[in-house]
N, C-alpha and C. Protein backbone atom coordinates (compact mmCIF):
# COMPACT_ATOMS: atom_id res chain seq x y z
N MET A 1 63.03 -107.03 36.40
CA MET A 1 62.35 -107.64 37.52
C MET A 1 61.26 -108.54 36.95
N LYS A 2 61.20 -109.73 37.48
CA LYS A 2 60.19 -110.69 37.05
C LYS A 2 59.18 -110.89 38.17
N LEU A 3 57.91 -110.90 37.80
CA LEU A 3 56.82 -111.05 38.76
C LEU A 3 56.15 -112.39 38.55
N GLY A 4 55.93 -113.12 39.65
CA GLY A 4 55.15 -114.34 39.61
C GLY A 4 54.05 -114.24 40.66
N ILE A 5 52.84 -114.66 40.28
CA ILE A 5 51.70 -114.61 41.19
C ILE A 5 51.03 -115.98 41.15
N ARG A 6 50.81 -116.55 42.36
CA ARG A 6 50.14 -117.86 42.41
C ARG A 6 49.68 -118.16 43.83
N ASP A 7 48.43 -118.57 43.98
CA ASP A 7 47.92 -119.07 45.26
C ASP A 7 48.33 -118.23 46.46
N ASN A 8 47.89 -116.99 46.51
CA ASN A 8 48.22 -116.09 47.62
C ASN A 8 49.72 -115.89 47.80
N SER A 9 50.45 -115.91 46.70
CA SER A 9 51.90 -115.70 46.76
C SER A 9 52.34 -114.73 45.68
N LEU A 10 53.22 -113.81 46.07
CA LEU A 10 53.90 -112.92 45.13
C LEU A 10 55.37 -113.27 45.15
N ARG A 11 55.97 -113.39 43.98
CA ARG A 11 57.40 -113.67 43.89
C ARG A 11 58.01 -112.69 42.90
N LEU A 12 59.02 -111.95 43.37
CA LEU A 12 59.76 -111.03 42.51
C LEU A 12 61.20 -111.49 42.43
N ARG A 13 61.73 -111.59 41.22
CA ARG A 13 63.13 -111.96 41.03
C ARG A 13 63.86 -110.79 40.38
N LEU A 14 64.99 -110.41 40.98
CA LEU A 14 65.73 -109.24 40.51
C LEU A 14 67.13 -109.62 40.05
N MET A 15 67.55 -108.98 38.96
CA MET A 15 68.92 -109.13 38.49
C MET A 15 69.82 -108.20 39.29
N ARG A 16 71.13 -108.37 39.10
CA ARG A 16 72.10 -107.60 39.89
C ARG A 16 71.89 -106.10 39.79
N GLY A 17 71.69 -105.58 38.60
CA GLY A 17 71.49 -104.14 38.43
C GLY A 17 70.26 -103.64 39.15
N GLU A 18 69.22 -104.46 39.19
CA GLU A 18 68.00 -104.07 39.88
C GLU A 18 68.18 -104.08 41.39
N VAL A 19 68.92 -105.06 41.90
CA VAL A 19 69.23 -105.10 43.34
C VAL A 19 70.04 -103.87 43.71
N ASP A 20 71.03 -103.53 42.88
CA ASP A 20 71.84 -102.33 43.12
C ASP A 20 70.97 -101.07 43.11
N ALA A 21 70.06 -100.97 42.14
CA ALA A 21 69.18 -99.80 42.05
C ALA A 21 68.26 -99.71 43.28
N LEU A 22 67.75 -100.85 43.72
CA LEU A 22 66.88 -100.85 44.90
C LEU A 22 67.65 -100.37 46.12
N GLN A 23 68.88 -100.83 46.26
CA GLN A 23 69.70 -100.41 47.40
C GLN A 23 70.02 -98.92 47.34
N LYS A 24 70.35 -98.42 46.14
CA LYS A 24 70.78 -97.02 46.00
C LYS A 24 69.64 -96.02 45.96
N THR A 25 68.56 -96.34 45.23
CA THR A 25 67.48 -95.36 45.04
C THR A 25 66.22 -95.70 45.83
N GLY A 26 66.13 -96.95 46.29
CA GLY A 26 64.95 -97.37 47.04
C GLY A 26 63.76 -97.76 46.19
N LEU A 27 63.95 -97.87 44.85
CA LEU A 27 62.81 -98.15 43.98
C LEU A 27 63.23 -98.87 42.71
N VAL A 28 62.45 -99.90 42.34
CA VAL A 28 62.60 -100.57 41.05
C VAL A 28 61.18 -100.75 40.51
N LYS A 29 60.98 -100.42 39.23
CA LYS A 29 59.66 -100.51 38.61
C LYS A 29 59.72 -101.35 37.35
N ALA A 30 58.58 -101.97 37.03
CA ALA A 30 58.44 -102.73 35.79
C ALA A 30 56.97 -102.73 35.41
N SER A 31 56.66 -103.21 34.20
CA SER A 31 55.27 -103.29 33.78
C SER A 31 55.11 -104.38 32.72
N THR A 32 53.87 -104.80 32.55
CA THR A 32 53.51 -105.79 31.54
C THR A 32 52.30 -105.27 30.79
N GLN A 33 52.40 -105.27 29.47
CA GLN A 33 51.32 -104.80 28.61
C GLN A 33 50.32 -105.92 28.32
N PHE A 34 49.05 -105.57 28.24
CA PHE A 34 48.00 -106.51 27.90
C PHE A 34 47.22 -105.98 26.71
N PRO A 35 46.50 -106.87 26.01
CA PRO A 35 45.67 -106.41 24.90
C PRO A 35 44.67 -105.36 25.38
N GLY A 36 44.29 -104.50 24.47
CA GLY A 36 43.34 -103.44 24.80
C GLY A 36 43.99 -102.23 25.43
N GLY A 37 45.33 -102.17 25.44
CA GLY A 37 46.03 -101.01 25.97
C GLY A 37 46.13 -100.97 27.48
N ARG A 38 45.81 -102.06 28.16
CA ARG A 38 45.89 -102.09 29.62
C ARG A 38 47.30 -102.49 30.05
N THR A 39 47.73 -101.98 31.18
CA THR A 39 49.06 -102.22 31.69
C THR A 39 48.99 -102.60 33.16
N LEU A 40 49.71 -103.65 33.53
CA LEU A 40 49.90 -104.00 34.94
C LEU A 40 51.28 -103.47 35.32
N ARG A 41 51.30 -102.57 36.27
CA ARG A 41 52.55 -102.00 36.76
C ARG A 41 52.88 -102.66 38.10
N TYR A 42 54.15 -102.85 38.35
CA TYR A 42 54.57 -103.37 39.64
C TYR A 42 55.88 -102.73 40.04
N SER A 43 56.00 -102.49 41.33
CA SER A 43 57.21 -101.84 41.82
C SER A 43 57.62 -102.45 43.15
N LEU A 44 58.89 -102.29 43.44
CA LEU A 44 59.47 -102.77 44.68
C LEU A 44 60.14 -101.56 45.33
N GLU A 45 59.78 -101.32 46.58
CA GLU A 45 60.29 -100.15 47.30
C GLU A 45 61.03 -100.59 48.56
N SER A 46 62.07 -99.86 48.87
CA SER A 46 62.78 -100.02 50.13
C SER A 46 62.39 -98.84 51.01
N SER A 47 61.88 -99.14 52.22
CA SER A 47 61.35 -98.07 53.06
C SER A 47 61.93 -98.12 54.48
N PRO A 48 62.48 -97.00 54.96
CA PRO A 48 62.97 -96.97 56.33
C PRO A 48 61.83 -97.09 57.35
N ALA A 49 60.60 -96.82 56.95
CA ALA A 49 59.46 -96.89 57.86
C ALA A 49 58.86 -98.30 57.95
N SER A 50 59.23 -99.19 57.02
CA SER A 50 58.66 -100.54 57.02
C SER A 50 59.38 -101.44 58.01
N VAL A 51 58.60 -102.25 58.71
CA VAL A 51 59.14 -103.22 59.65
C VAL A 51 59.12 -104.62 59.05
N ASN A 52 58.10 -104.91 58.24
CA ASN A 52 57.94 -106.21 57.59
C ASN A 52 57.63 -106.00 56.11
N PRO A 53 57.90 -107.01 55.28
CA PRO A 53 57.48 -106.91 53.88
C PRO A 53 55.97 -106.77 53.80
N GLY A 54 55.50 -105.96 52.86
CA GLY A 54 54.07 -105.77 52.65
C GLY A 54 53.79 -105.53 51.19
N ALA A 55 52.56 -105.86 50.78
CA ALA A 55 52.16 -105.67 49.38
C ALA A 55 50.83 -104.93 49.35
N PHE A 56 50.68 -104.12 48.30
CA PHE A 56 49.49 -103.30 48.13
C PHE A 56 49.09 -103.34 46.67
N PHE A 57 47.79 -103.31 46.39
CA PHE A 57 47.30 -103.33 45.01
C PHE A 57 46.28 -102.22 44.84
N SER A 58 46.53 -101.35 43.87
CA SER A 58 45.62 -100.25 43.61
C SER A 58 45.78 -99.78 42.17
N GLU A 59 44.66 -99.58 41.49
CA GLU A 59 44.66 -99.01 40.14
C GLU A 59 45.67 -99.68 39.21
N SER A 60 45.58 -100.99 39.09
CA SER A 60 46.41 -101.80 38.19
C SER A 60 47.89 -101.76 38.55
N GLU A 61 48.21 -101.51 39.81
CA GLU A 61 49.61 -101.51 40.23
C GLU A 61 49.78 -102.31 41.52
N ILE A 62 50.78 -103.17 41.50
CA ILE A 62 51.20 -103.92 42.68
C ILE A 62 52.44 -103.24 43.23
N ILE A 63 52.40 -102.89 44.50
CA ILE A 63 53.56 -102.28 45.16
C ILE A 63 53.97 -103.21 46.29
N VAL A 64 55.23 -103.63 46.26
CA VAL A 64 55.80 -104.43 47.35
C VAL A 64 56.79 -103.54 48.08
N ARG A 65 56.62 -103.44 49.38
CA ARG A 65 57.46 -102.57 50.20
C ARG A 65 58.25 -103.44 51.17
N LEU A 66 59.56 -103.21 51.22
CA LEU A 66 60.46 -103.97 52.10
C LEU A 66 61.13 -103.04 53.10
N PRO A 67 61.47 -103.56 54.29
CA PRO A 67 62.24 -102.75 55.23
C PRO A 67 63.63 -102.43 54.65
N GLU A 68 64.02 -101.19 54.77
CA GLU A 68 65.31 -100.74 54.24
C GLU A 68 66.48 -101.56 54.82
N THR A 69 66.41 -101.89 56.10
CA THR A 69 67.49 -102.66 56.73
C THR A 69 67.58 -104.06 56.12
N ALA A 70 66.44 -104.67 55.79
CA ALA A 70 66.44 -105.99 55.17
C ALA A 70 67.03 -105.93 53.77
N VAL A 71 66.70 -104.87 53.02
CA VAL A 71 67.23 -104.70 51.67
C VAL A 71 68.75 -104.53 51.71
N LEU A 72 69.25 -103.73 52.62
CA LEU A 72 70.70 -103.50 52.73
C LEU A 72 71.42 -104.81 53.05
N ALA A 73 70.91 -105.56 54.01
CA ALA A 73 71.54 -106.84 54.39
C ALA A 73 71.52 -107.81 53.22
N TRP A 74 70.42 -107.88 52.50
CA TRP A 74 70.24 -108.79 51.37
C TRP A 74 71.14 -108.40 50.20
N ALA A 75 71.16 -107.12 49.88
CA ALA A 75 71.90 -106.63 48.71
C ALA A 75 73.41 -106.75 48.87
N THR A 76 73.89 -106.74 50.09
CA THR A 76 75.34 -106.74 50.33
C THR A 76 75.85 -108.07 50.86
N SER A 77 75.10 -109.14 50.62
CA SER A 77 75.52 -110.45 51.13
C SER A 77 75.15 -111.55 50.13
N ASP A 78 75.43 -112.78 50.52
CA ASP A 78 75.06 -113.94 49.71
C ASP A 78 73.63 -114.39 49.98
N GLN A 79 72.92 -113.68 50.83
CA GLN A 79 71.53 -114.02 51.13
C GLN A 79 70.74 -114.04 49.82
N VAL A 80 69.97 -115.09 49.61
CA VAL A 80 69.24 -115.27 48.36
C VAL A 80 67.92 -114.50 48.32
N ALA A 81 67.20 -114.47 49.44
CA ALA A 81 65.84 -113.94 49.38
C ALA A 81 65.44 -113.20 50.64
N ILE A 82 64.41 -112.40 50.48
CA ILE A 82 63.70 -111.77 51.60
C ILE A 82 62.29 -112.34 51.54
N TYR A 83 61.83 -112.87 52.65
CA TYR A 83 60.52 -113.51 52.71
C TYR A 83 59.67 -112.85 53.79
N GLY A 84 58.39 -112.74 53.51
CA GLY A 84 57.47 -112.22 54.51
C GLY A 84 56.07 -112.73 54.27
N GLU A 85 55.24 -112.59 55.27
CA GLU A 85 53.82 -112.92 55.18
C GLU A 85 53.01 -111.71 55.62
N GLN A 86 51.92 -111.49 54.94
CA GLN A 86 51.03 -110.39 55.27
C GLN A 86 49.64 -110.99 55.49
N VAL A 87 49.03 -110.70 56.62
CA VAL A 87 47.70 -111.21 56.92
C VAL A 87 46.67 -110.43 56.11
N LEU A 88 45.78 -111.17 55.46
CA LEU A 88 44.73 -110.57 54.65
C LEU A 88 43.45 -110.40 55.47
N VAL A 89 42.50 -109.68 54.94
CA VAL A 89 41.25 -109.39 55.64
C VAL A 89 40.52 -110.67 56.06
N ASP A 90 40.57 -111.71 55.22
CA ASP A 90 39.86 -112.95 55.51
C ASP A 90 40.63 -113.90 56.43
N GLY A 91 41.79 -113.45 56.92
CA GLY A 91 42.59 -114.27 57.82
C GLY A 91 43.63 -115.12 57.11
N GLU A 92 43.54 -115.22 55.79
CA GLU A 92 44.57 -115.93 55.02
C GLU A 92 45.84 -115.09 55.00
N ASN A 93 46.93 -115.69 54.52
CA ASN A 93 48.20 -114.98 54.40
C ASN A 93 48.56 -114.76 52.94
N LEU A 94 49.16 -113.63 52.66
CA LEU A 94 49.79 -113.37 51.38
C LEU A 94 51.28 -113.59 51.59
N ASN A 95 51.86 -114.55 50.88
CA ASN A 95 53.29 -114.83 50.98
C ASN A 95 54.03 -113.93 50.00
N ILE A 96 55.09 -113.29 50.48
CA ILE A 96 55.87 -112.36 49.67
C ILE A 96 57.31 -112.87 49.64
N LEU A 97 57.82 -113.11 48.43
CA LEU A 97 59.18 -113.59 48.25
C LEU A 97 59.89 -112.70 47.24
N VAL A 98 60.99 -112.09 47.65
CA VAL A 98 61.82 -111.28 46.77
C VAL A 98 63.19 -111.93 46.75
N GLU A 99 63.66 -112.30 45.56
CA GLU A 99 64.90 -113.05 45.49
C GLU A 99 65.80 -112.59 44.34
N LYS A 100 67.05 -112.93 44.48
CA LYS A 100 68.02 -112.65 43.42
C LYS A 100 67.80 -113.65 42.30
N ASP A 101 67.91 -113.18 41.06
CA ASP A 101 67.68 -114.02 39.89
C ASP A 101 69.01 -114.64 39.46
N PHE A 102 69.04 -115.98 39.43
CA PHE A 102 70.25 -116.72 39.11
C PHE A 102 70.28 -117.17 37.66
N VAL A 103 71.49 -117.31 37.15
CA VAL A 103 71.71 -117.92 35.85
C VAL A 103 71.15 -119.34 35.90
N CYS A 104 70.47 -119.76 34.84
CA CYS A 104 69.89 -121.11 34.80
C CYS A 104 71.01 -122.15 34.69
N LEU A 105 70.77 -123.31 35.27
CA LEU A 105 71.74 -124.40 35.21
C LEU A 105 71.81 -125.00 33.81
N THR A 106 70.72 -124.92 33.06
CA THR A 106 70.73 -125.36 31.67
C THR A 106 70.57 -124.11 30.82
N GLY A 107 71.43 -123.93 29.84
CA GLY A 107 71.44 -122.72 29.03
C GLY A 107 70.13 -122.44 28.32
N ARG A 108 69.82 -121.17 28.17
CA ARG A 108 68.63 -120.73 27.43
C ARG A 108 69.09 -119.74 26.37
N ASP A 109 68.89 -120.11 25.13
CA ASP A 109 69.33 -119.25 24.03
C ASP A 109 68.53 -117.97 23.92
N ASP A 110 67.29 -117.98 24.41
CA ASP A 110 66.41 -116.83 24.23
C ASP A 110 66.42 -115.85 25.39
N GLU A 111 67.34 -116.02 26.35
CA GLU A 111 67.34 -115.14 27.51
C GLU A 111 68.75 -114.61 27.78
N ASP A 112 68.85 -113.30 27.96
CA ASP A 112 70.12 -112.67 28.30
C ASP A 112 70.34 -112.82 29.81
N GLU A 113 71.32 -113.61 30.19
CA GLU A 113 71.59 -113.86 31.60
C GLU A 113 72.81 -113.12 32.11
N SER A 114 73.30 -112.14 31.35
CA SER A 114 74.54 -111.46 31.69
C SER A 114 74.48 -110.66 33.00
N ASP A 115 73.29 -110.24 33.41
CA ASP A 115 73.15 -109.45 34.64
C ASP A 115 72.60 -110.28 35.80
N MET A 116 72.52 -111.60 35.59
CA MET A 116 72.01 -112.47 36.64
C MET A 116 73.13 -112.91 37.58
N TYR A 117 72.74 -113.34 38.75
CA TYR A 117 73.71 -113.83 39.73
C TYR A 117 74.19 -115.22 39.35
N PRO A 118 75.46 -115.55 39.63
CA PRO A 118 75.92 -116.91 39.38
C PRO A 118 75.09 -117.89 40.22
N HIS A 119 74.72 -119.00 39.62
CA HIS A 119 73.90 -119.99 40.34
C HIS A 119 74.76 -120.69 41.39
N PRO A 120 74.29 -120.75 42.65
CA PRO A 120 75.08 -121.37 43.72
C PRO A 120 75.32 -122.86 43.53
N GLU A 121 74.54 -123.50 42.69
CA GLU A 121 74.69 -124.94 42.43
C GLU A 121 75.45 -125.22 41.13
N ALA A 122 75.99 -124.21 40.49
CA ALA A 122 76.62 -124.37 39.16
C ALA A 122 77.79 -125.34 39.20
N GLU A 123 78.63 -125.27 40.22
CA GLU A 123 79.78 -126.18 40.29
C GLU A 123 79.35 -127.63 40.46
N LYS A 124 78.32 -127.88 41.24
CA LYS A 124 77.82 -129.24 41.43
C LYS A 124 77.24 -129.78 40.14
N ALA A 125 76.52 -128.94 39.39
CA ALA A 125 75.87 -129.36 38.16
C ALA A 125 76.87 -129.68 37.06
N SER A 126 77.99 -128.95 37.04
CA SER A 126 78.98 -129.17 35.99
C SER A 126 79.97 -130.27 36.35
N GLY A 127 79.98 -130.67 37.62
CA GLY A 127 80.96 -131.64 38.10
C GLY A 127 80.53 -133.01 37.95
């Protein structure tokens, strides 16, 4: 799972195995190590109690929670992403985007893309 954070936006990209795990177990976790022994943990949860996507941050961990029905529809279809907005205390919005990770249109020697989804534009790019 890859995490991107920018300008009140969270973006998580999942490979096929991670989407399958989220659908089956309701949870996918990852982490990033920082100097000084600190770790940023992040997880994605599928919850039958959730109505909308939501994000929470506590004790160096980001938790993104999605409605179970949205995860099931997304995981079993060609749907690319689940998108949501969460209103923050100051009235701004936190944008939440969870999407399937696609094979790059231009090859990357340093990245294993074997578990990524086929890119929907691949035929156009090669044609």
